[in-house]
Amino acid sequence: MKTFDYLITDELGIHARPAGLLCKLAKSLDSKITIEKGEKNADASRVIALMGLGVKNGDKIHITVEDGNEENSAKILEDFFKENL
């Protein structure tokens, strides 16, 4: 299991467009991706669940990558967050 934290810098947080992109990316990876904000968590392959977290600009999220090629999946996700959120 790999984990990392990320501070959201997008002014709108995780809204529809980046949630859809993140969902598509999560589905393409061979790992299970979970996003946590506070006490809530969501499967990254479910758009509505991601948006339900209510992640805003300045929020810190915790990402957990399990199974499959965790190292590669975590690196791809880190790059995605830096480029999109």
N, C-alpha and C. Protein backbone atom coordinates (compact mmCIF):
# COMPACT_ATOMS: atom_id res chain seq x y z
N MET A 1 0.84 -1.18 0.00
CA MET A 1 0.00 0.00 0.00
C MET A 1 0.89 1.24 0.00
N LYS A 2 0.56 2.18 -0.90
CA LYS A 2 1.25 3.47 -0.97
C LYS A 2 0.25 4.55 -0.61
N THR A 3 0.70 5.56 0.11
CA THR A 3 -0.17 6.68 0.45
C THR A 3 0.60 7.98 0.28
N PHE A 4 -0.13 9.04 0.00
CA PHE A 4 0.46 10.37 -0.02
C PHE A 4 -0.64 11.40 0.21
N ASP A 5 -0.25 12.58 0.63
CA ASP A 5 -1.18 13.68 0.85
C ASP A 5 -0.97 14.71 -0.25
N TYR A 6 -2.04 15.43 -0.56
CA TYR A 6 -1.95 16.49 -1.57
C TYR A 6 -2.82 17.66 -1.14
N LEU A 7 -2.28 18.85 -1.29
CA LEU A 7 -3.01 20.09 -0.98
C LEU A 7 -3.62 20.61 -2.28
N ILE A 8 -4.93 20.74 -2.33
CA ILE A 8 -5.64 21.17 -3.53
C ILE A 8 -5.38 22.66 -3.78
N THR A 9 -4.90 22.98 -4.98
CA THR A 9 -4.61 24.37 -5.32
C THR A 9 -5.54 24.90 -6.41
N ASP A 10 -6.33 24.04 -7.04
CA ASP A 10 -7.30 24.49 -8.04
C ASP A 10 -8.33 25.37 -7.34
N GLU A 11 -8.63 26.53 -7.91
CA GLU A 11 -9.53 27.48 -7.24
C GLU A 11 -10.94 26.94 -7.03
N LEU A 12 -11.35 25.94 -7.81
CA LEU A 12 -12.69 25.36 -7.66
C LEU A 12 -12.68 24.01 -6.94
N GLY A 13 -11.51 23.52 -6.58
CA GLY A 13 -11.43 22.23 -5.90
C GLY A 13 -11.67 21.08 -6.87
N ILE A 14 -12.17 19.97 -6.35
CA ILE A 14 -12.49 18.83 -7.22
C ILE A 14 -13.94 19.00 -7.68
N HIS A 15 -14.09 19.61 -8.86
CA HIS A 15 -15.41 19.81 -9.45
C HIS A 15 -15.58 18.80 -10.59
N ALA A 16 -16.61 18.94 -11.38
CA ALA A 16 -16.98 17.93 -12.38
C ALA A 16 -15.87 17.54 -13.35
N ARG A 17 -15.21 18.52 -13.96
CA ARG A 17 -14.20 18.19 -14.97
C ARG A 17 -13.04 17.38 -14.39
N PRO A 18 -12.35 17.88 -13.33
CA PRO A 18 -11.24 17.08 -12.81
C PRO A 18 -11.70 15.77 -12.16
N ALA A 19 -12.90 15.76 -11.60
CA ALA A 19 -13.42 14.51 -11.03
C ALA A 19 -13.59 13.46 -12.13
N GLY A 20 -14.10 13.88 -13.28
CA GLY A 20 -14.26 12.97 -14.41
C GLY A 20 -12.93 12.47 -14.92
N LEU A 21 -11.95 13.37 -15.02
CA LEU A 21 -10.61 12.97 -15.46
C LEU A 21 -9.95 12.02 -14.47
N LEU A 22 -10.10 12.31 -13.19
CA LEU A 22 -9.52 11.46 -12.15
C LEU A 22 -10.16 10.08 -12.17
N CYS A 23 -11.47 10.05 -12.33
CA CYS A 23 -12.20 8.79 -12.40
C CYS A 23 -11.71 7.95 -13.57
N LYS A 24 -11.59 8.57 -14.73
CA LYS A 24 -11.11 7.87 -15.93
C LYS A 24 -9.70 7.32 -15.71
N LEU A 25 -8.84 8.13 -15.10
CA LEU A 25 -7.47 7.69 -14.81
C LEU A 25 -7.47 6.53 -13.83
N ALA A 26 -8.25 6.64 -12.76
CA ALA A 26 -8.31 5.58 -11.74
C ALA A 26 -8.76 4.25 -12.34
N LYS A 27 -9.72 4.32 -13.26
CA LYS A 27 -10.21 3.10 -13.91
C LYS A 27 -9.15 2.47 -14.82
N SER A 28 -8.24 3.28 -15.35
CA SER A 28 -7.21 2.77 -16.25
C SER A 28 -6.04 2.13 -15.51
N LEU A 29 -5.91 2.40 -14.22
CA LEU A 29 -4.81 1.85 -13.43
C LEU A 29 -5.20 0.49 -12.86
N ASP A 30 -4.18 -0.32 -12.57
CA ASP A 30 -4.47 -1.65 -12.03
C ASP A 30 -4.48 -1.68 -10.50
N SER A 31 -4.62 -0.52 -9.88
CA SER A 31 -4.66 -0.40 -8.43
C SER A 31 -6.00 0.16 -7.98
N LYS A 32 -6.35 -0.11 -6.72
CA LYS A 32 -7.55 0.48 -6.12
C LYS A 32 -7.14 1.80 -5.50
N ILE A 33 -7.81 2.89 -5.88
CA ILE A 33 -7.46 4.23 -5.42
C ILE A 33 -8.57 4.75 -4.51
N THR A 34 -8.20 5.19 -3.32
CA THR A 34 -9.16 5.77 -2.38
C THR A 34 -8.71 7.18 -2.04
N ILE A 35 -9.64 8.12 -2.08
CA ILE A 35 -9.37 9.51 -1.73
C ILE A 35 -10.10 9.81 -0.42
N GLU A 36 -9.38 10.40 0.54
CA GLU A 36 -9.98 10.74 1.84
C GLU A 36 -9.87 12.24 2.07
N LYS A 37 -10.96 12.79 2.62
CA LYS A 37 -10.96 14.18 3.11
C LYS A 37 -11.65 14.15 4.46
N GLY A 38 -10.90 14.45 5.49
CA GLY A 38 -11.46 14.36 6.83
C GLY A 38 -11.87 12.93 7.13
N GLU A 39 -13.10 12.74 7.53
CA GLU A 39 -13.58 11.40 7.85
C GLU A 39 -14.29 10.73 6.69
N LYS A 40 -14.44 11.45 5.57
CA LYS A 40 -15.09 10.90 4.39
C LYS A 40 -14.05 10.28 3.46
N ASN A 41 -14.44 9.23 2.74
CA ASN A 41 -13.56 8.67 1.73
C ASN A 41 -14.38 8.23 0.53
N ALA A 42 -13.71 8.11 -0.61
CA ALA A 42 -14.39 7.76 -1.86
C ALA A 42 -13.48 6.92 -2.74
N ASP A 43 -14.08 6.00 -3.45
CA ASP A 43 -13.40 5.24 -4.48
C ASP A 43 -13.17 6.20 -5.65
N ALA A 44 -11.93 6.36 -6.07
CA ALA A 44 -11.60 7.33 -7.12
C ALA A 44 -12.19 6.96 -8.48
N SER A 45 -12.71 5.76 -8.63
CA SER A 45 -13.30 5.38 -9.91
C SER A 45 -14.79 5.73 -9.98
N ARG A 46 -15.30 6.44 -8.97
CA ARG A 46 -16.72 6.82 -8.93
C ARG A 46 -16.84 8.35 -8.86
N VAL A 47 -17.27 8.97 -9.95
CA VAL A 47 -17.33 10.43 -10.06
C VAL A 47 -18.20 11.06 -8.97
N ILE A 48 -19.39 10.53 -8.78
CA ILE A 48 -20.31 11.11 -7.80
C ILE A 48 -19.72 11.01 -6.39
N ALA A 49 -19.06 9.91 -6.10
CA ALA A 49 -18.44 9.75 -4.78
C ALA A 49 -17.33 10.79 -4.59
N LEU A 50 -16.54 11.01 -5.62
CA LEU A 50 -15.47 12.02 -5.54
C LEU A 50 -16.05 13.42 -5.29
N MET A 51 -17.06 13.77 -6.04
CA MET A 51 -17.66 15.09 -5.88
C MET A 51 -18.36 15.22 -4.52
N GLY A 52 -18.84 14.11 -4.00
CA GLY A 52 -19.49 14.10 -2.69
C GLY A 52 -18.57 14.41 -1.53
N LEU A 53 -17.26 14.31 -1.77
CA LEU A 53 -16.30 14.65 -0.71
C LEU A 53 -16.29 16.16 -0.44
N GLY A 54 -16.72 16.95 -1.42
CA GLY A 54 -16.75 18.40 -1.24
C GLY A 54 -15.38 19.02 -1.09
N VAL A 55 -14.41 18.55 -1.87
CA VAL A 55 -13.04 19.05 -1.77
C VAL A 55 -12.94 20.44 -2.41
N LYS A 56 -12.46 21.39 -1.63
CA LYS A 56 -12.33 22.79 -2.06
C LYS A 56 -10.86 23.20 -2.13
N ASN A 57 -10.62 24.36 -2.69
CA ASN A 57 -9.28 24.93 -2.73
C ASN A 57 -8.74 25.05 -1.31
N GLY A 58 -7.52 24.59 -1.10
CA GLY A 58 -6.88 24.67 0.21
C GLY A 58 -7.09 23.44 1.08
N ASP A 59 -7.93 22.51 0.65
CA ASP A 59 -8.15 21.28 1.41
C ASP A 59 -7.01 20.30 1.18
N LYS A 60 -6.67 19.55 2.23
CA LYS A 60 -5.68 18.50 2.10
C LYS A 60 -6.42 17.18 1.98
N ILE A 61 -6.04 16.39 0.97
CA ILE A 61 -6.63 15.06 0.80
C ILE A 61 -5.56 14.01 0.98
N HIS A 62 -6.00 12.82 1.31
CA HIS A 62 -5.09 11.69 1.52
C HIS A 62 -5.44 10.63 0.48
N ILE A 63 -4.45 10.18 -0.27
CA ILE A 63 -4.66 9.21 -1.34
C ILE A 63 -4.02 7.89 -0.95
N THR A 64 -4.79 6.81 -1.09
CA THR A 64 -4.29 5.47 -0.81
C THR A 64 -4.34 4.65 -2.09
N VAL A 65 -3.23 4.00 -2.41
CA VAL A 65 -3.11 3.17 -3.61
C VAL A 65 -2.83 1.74 -3.15
N GLU A 66 -3.72 0.82 -3.51
CA GLU A 66 -3.56 -0.58 -3.09
C GLU A 66 -3.61 -1.52 -4.28
N ASP A 67 -2.84 -2.58 -4.20
CA ASP A 67 -2.82 -3.66 -5.18
C ASP A 67 -2.21 -3.22 -6.51
N GLY A 68 -1.99 -4.16 -7.38
CA GLY A 68 -1.41 -3.88 -8.69
C GLY A 68 -0.01 -3.29 -8.55
N ASN A 69 0.37 -2.48 -9.51
CA ASN A 69 1.67 -1.82 -9.50
C ASN A 69 1.53 -0.49 -8.74
N GLU A 70 1.60 -0.57 -7.42
CA GLU A 70 1.36 0.58 -6.55
C GLU A 70 2.32 1.74 -6.81
N GLU A 71 3.61 1.43 -6.99
CA GLU A 71 4.61 2.48 -7.23
C GLU A 71 4.25 3.29 -8.47
N ASN A 72 3.99 2.60 -9.56
CA ASN A 72 3.67 3.26 -10.82
C ASN A 72 2.35 4.04 -10.72
N SER A 73 1.34 3.42 -10.14
CA SER A 73 0.04 4.09 -10.00
C SER A 73 0.15 5.35 -9.15
N ALA A 74 0.89 5.28 -8.04
CA ALA A 74 1.06 6.44 -7.16
C ALA A 74 1.77 7.58 -7.89
N LYS A 75 2.79 7.25 -8.68
CA LYS A 75 3.53 8.27 -9.43
C LYS A 75 2.62 8.93 -10.47
N ILE A 76 1.83 8.14 -11.18
CA ILE A 76 0.91 8.67 -12.18
C ILE A 76 -0.11 9.59 -11.51
N LEU A 77 -0.63 9.18 -10.36
CA LEU A 77 -1.61 10.00 -9.64
C LEU A 77 -1.00 11.31 -9.14
N GLU A 78 0.20 11.23 -8.59
CA GLU A 78 0.88 12.46 -8.12
C GLU A 78 1.03 13.45 -9.26
N ASP A 79 1.46 12.95 -10.43
CA ASP A 79 1.61 13.82 -11.59
C ASP A 79 0.27 14.42 -12.00
N PHE A 80 -0.79 13.60 -11.98
CA PHE A 80 -2.12 14.07 -12.34
C PHE A 80 -2.54 15.22 -11.41
N PHE A 81 -2.38 15.03 -10.10
CA PHE A 81 -2.78 16.06 -9.15
C PHE A 81 -2.00 17.36 -9.37
N LYS A 82 -0.71 17.25 -9.61
CA LYS A 82 0.11 18.44 -9.84
C LYS A 82 -0.33 19.19 -11.09
N GLU A 83 -0.72 18.47 -12.13
CA GLU A 83 -1.10 19.09 -13.40
C GLU A 83 -2.54 19.62 -13.40
N ASN A 84 -3.43 19.00 -12.62
CA ASN A 84 -4.86 19.31 -12.72
C ASN A 84 -5.52 19.88 -11.47
N LEU A 85 -4.93 19.69 -10.32
CA LEU A 85 -5.58 20.14 -9.10
C LEU A 85 -4.62 20.89 -8.19
